[in-house]
Amino acid sequence: MIRAATIAALTLALAAPAAGAPNCRLALLLALDVSSSVDAEEDILQRQGLAAALSAPGVRAAFLSTPKPVALAVYEWSGREKHQTLLDWTIIDTSRTLYQSAARLGLSQRQTTEFPTALGHAVGHAATLFCTGTGL
């Protein structure tokens, strides 16, 4: 329950209006926890759950509801300076792009299992990624 609340809070903190990215209406940055407190089963659940969610009809409809697209990026995080980009900033403007992104995330492999949780560093990394995505 606590882990779900942490993931939900982090996801909400990482969704931002695309003020600096005029080519999209929303820059959505998602983060997967791969710290040592997450076991292999939970990791698979995160990846497959994210892929399934992105492929869901309602989510697809939300992504494609207006002519202005959503920019999506996903990374995994654990300890200090332990981040791995799984999906670099991608403009989601078609069902195909969304499904390809979902498939890529569903097939992604965990990069590390040995570092403790460092949520502050994960949020700091997110701020850096938002800065790099401003030209979307």
Protein backbone atom coordinates (compact mmCIF):
# COMPACT_ATOMS: atom_id res chain seq x y z
CA MET A 1 0.00 0.00 0.00
CA ILE A 2 2.78 2.45 0.87
CA ARG A 3 4.65 1.55 -2.34
CA ALA A 4 1.51 2.22 -4.41
CA ALA A 5 1.07 5.60 -2.73
CA THR A 6 4.71 6.47 -3.41
CA ILE A 7 4.41 5.50 -7.07
CA ALA A 8 1.18 7.45 -7.45
CA ALA A 9 2.69 10.55 -5.80
CA LEU A 10 5.81 10.35 -7.94
CA THR A 11 3.77 9.93 -11.11
CA LEU A 12 1.64 12.96 -10.27
CA ALA A 13 4.73 14.99 -9.47
CA LEU A 14 6.20 14.10 -12.83
CA ALA A 15 3.25 15.03 -15.03
CA ALA A 16 3.49 18.61 -16.11
CA PRO A 17 1.86 20.96 -18.56
CA ALA A 18 4.12 21.29 -21.54
CA ALA A 19 4.66 25.04 -21.12
CA GLY A 20 8.21 24.84 -22.46
CA ALA A 21 7.28 22.26 -25.07
CA PRO A 22 4.92 24.02 -27.48
CA ASN A 23 4.54 21.00 -29.77
CA CYS A 24 2.67 18.94 -27.16
CA ARG A 25 -0.08 19.54 -24.63
CA LEU A 26 1.45 17.46 -21.85
CA ALA A 27 4.87 16.10 -20.99
CA LEU A 28 4.30 12.87 -19.05
CA LEU A 29 7.33 11.39 -17.34
CA LEU A 30 6.91 8.04 -15.58
CA ALA A 31 9.43 6.42 -13.24
CA LEU A 32 9.79 2.76 -12.26
CA ASP A 33 11.31 1.89 -8.89
CA VAL A 34 14.04 -0.76 -9.32
CA SER A 35 15.65 -0.29 -5.92
CA SER A 36 16.67 -3.26 -3.81
CA SER A 37 13.32 -3.17 -1.99
CA VAL A 38 11.55 -4.20 -5.23
CA ASP A 39 11.69 -7.93 -5.95
CA ALA A 40 11.68 -9.50 -9.43
CA GLU A 41 7.95 -10.23 -9.34
CA GLU A 42 7.10 -6.63 -8.44
CA ASP A 43 9.39 -5.37 -11.18
CA ILE A 44 7.65 -7.50 -13.81
CA LEU A 45 4.30 -6.32 -12.46
CA GLN A 46 5.38 -2.68 -12.88
CA ARG A 47 6.60 -3.15 -16.46
CA GLN A 48 3.75 -5.32 -17.68
CA GLY A 49 1.21 -3.19 -15.82
CA LEU A 50 2.55 -0.03 -17.43
CA ALA A 51 2.48 -1.65 -20.88
CA ALA A 52 -1.09 -2.86 -20.32
CA ALA A 53 -2.21 0.53 -19.04
CA LEU A 54 -0.75 2.35 -22.03
CA SER A 55 -2.48 -0.12 -24.34
CA ALA A 56 -5.89 0.24 -22.67
CA PRO A 57 -8.60 1.79 -24.87
CA GLY A 58 -9.38 4.56 -22.38
CA VAL A 59 -5.75 5.57 -22.06
CA ARG A 60 -5.34 5.52 -25.83
CA ALA A 61 -8.40 7.75 -26.16
CA ALA A 62 -7.00 10.19 -23.59
CA PHE A 63 -3.61 10.36 -25.32
CA LEU A 64 -5.22 11.01 -28.71
CA SER A 65 -8.17 13.15 -27.59
CA THR A 66 -6.92 16.39 -29.15
CA PRO A 67 -4.75 17.33 -32.12
CA LYS A 68 -1.92 18.33 -29.74
CA PRO A 69 -0.04 15.18 -28.73
CA VAL A 70 1.41 14.02 -25.42
CA ALA A 71 5.17 13.68 -24.97
CA LEU A 72 6.00 10.51 -23.00
CA ALA A 73 9.25 9.41 -21.37
CA VAL A 74 9.93 6.60 -18.90
CA TYR A 75 12.94 5.81 -16.73
CA GLU A 76 13.83 3.42 -13.95
CA TRP A 77 15.56 4.54 -10.78
CA SER A 78 17.08 3.25 -7.57
CA GLY A 79 20.05 4.66 -5.68
CA ARG A 80 21.88 7.92 -6.08
CA GLU A 81 22.74 8.56 -9.73
CA LYS A 82 21.26 5.19 -10.71
CA HIS A 83 18.80 5.99 -13.49
CA GLN A 84 18.23 4.31 -16.83
CA THR A 85 16.05 5.75 -19.58
CA LEU A 86 13.66 3.13 -20.91
CA LEU A 87 11.80 5.41 -23.32
CA ASP A 88 13.29 8.76 -24.27
CA TRP A 89 10.91 11.62 -25.00
CA THR A 90 8.48 10.32 -27.60
CA ILE A 91 5.67 12.29 -29.18
CA ILE A 92 2.55 10.13 -28.94
CA ASP A 93 0.45 11.28 -31.88
CA THR A 94 -0.87 7.95 -33.22
CA SER A 95 -2.15 4.68 -31.81
CA ARG A 96 0.82 2.96 -33.43
CA THR A 97 3.35 5.13 -31.58
CA LEU A 98 1.55 4.52 -28.30
CA TYR A 99 1.40 0.75 -28.81
CA GLN A 100 5.05 0.58 -29.89
CA SER A 101 6.06 2.50 -26.78
CA ALA A 102 3.95 0.21 -24.58
CA ALA A 103 5.49 -2.88 -26.17
CA ARG A 104 9.01 -1.54 -25.68
CA LEU A 105 8.33 -0.87 -22.00
CA GLY A 106 6.71 -4.25 -21.48
CA LEU A 107 9.81 -5.97 -22.88
CA SER A 108 12.33 -3.80 -21.02
CA GLN A 109 14.71 -5.45 -18.59
CA ARG A 110 15.68 -4.22 -15.15
CA GLN A 111 19.18 -2.71 -15.12
CA THR A 112 20.00 -3.04 -11.41
CA THR A 113 18.83 -4.69 -8.20
CA GLU A 114 21.48 -3.70 -5.70
CA PHE A 115 20.90 -0.08 -4.75
CA PRO A 116 18.65 1.34 -2.01
CA THR A 117 15.69 3.61 -2.60
CA ALA A 118 16.63 7.24 -3.27
CA LEU A 119 13.35 8.98 -4.13
CA GLY A 120 14.83 12.46 -3.86
CA HIS A 121 17.42 11.61 -6.52
CA ALA A 122 14.70 10.14 -8.72
CA VAL A 123 12.74 13.39 -8.57
CA GLY A 124 15.92 15.40 -9.20
CA HIS A 125 16.60 13.27 -12.27
CA ALA A 126 13.04 13.93 -13.43
CA ALA A 127 13.64 17.68 -13.25
CA THR A 128 16.70 17.23 -15.48
CA LEU A 129 14.69 15.17 -17.96
CA PHE A 130 11.96 17.80 -18.10
CA CYS A 131 14.61 20.40 -18.94
CA THR A 132 15.95 18.25 -21.78
CA GLY A 133 12.44 17.75 -23.14
CA THR A 134 11.56 21.42 -23.49
CA GLY A 135 12.22 21.42 -27.23
CA LEU A 136 9.58 18.78 -27.94
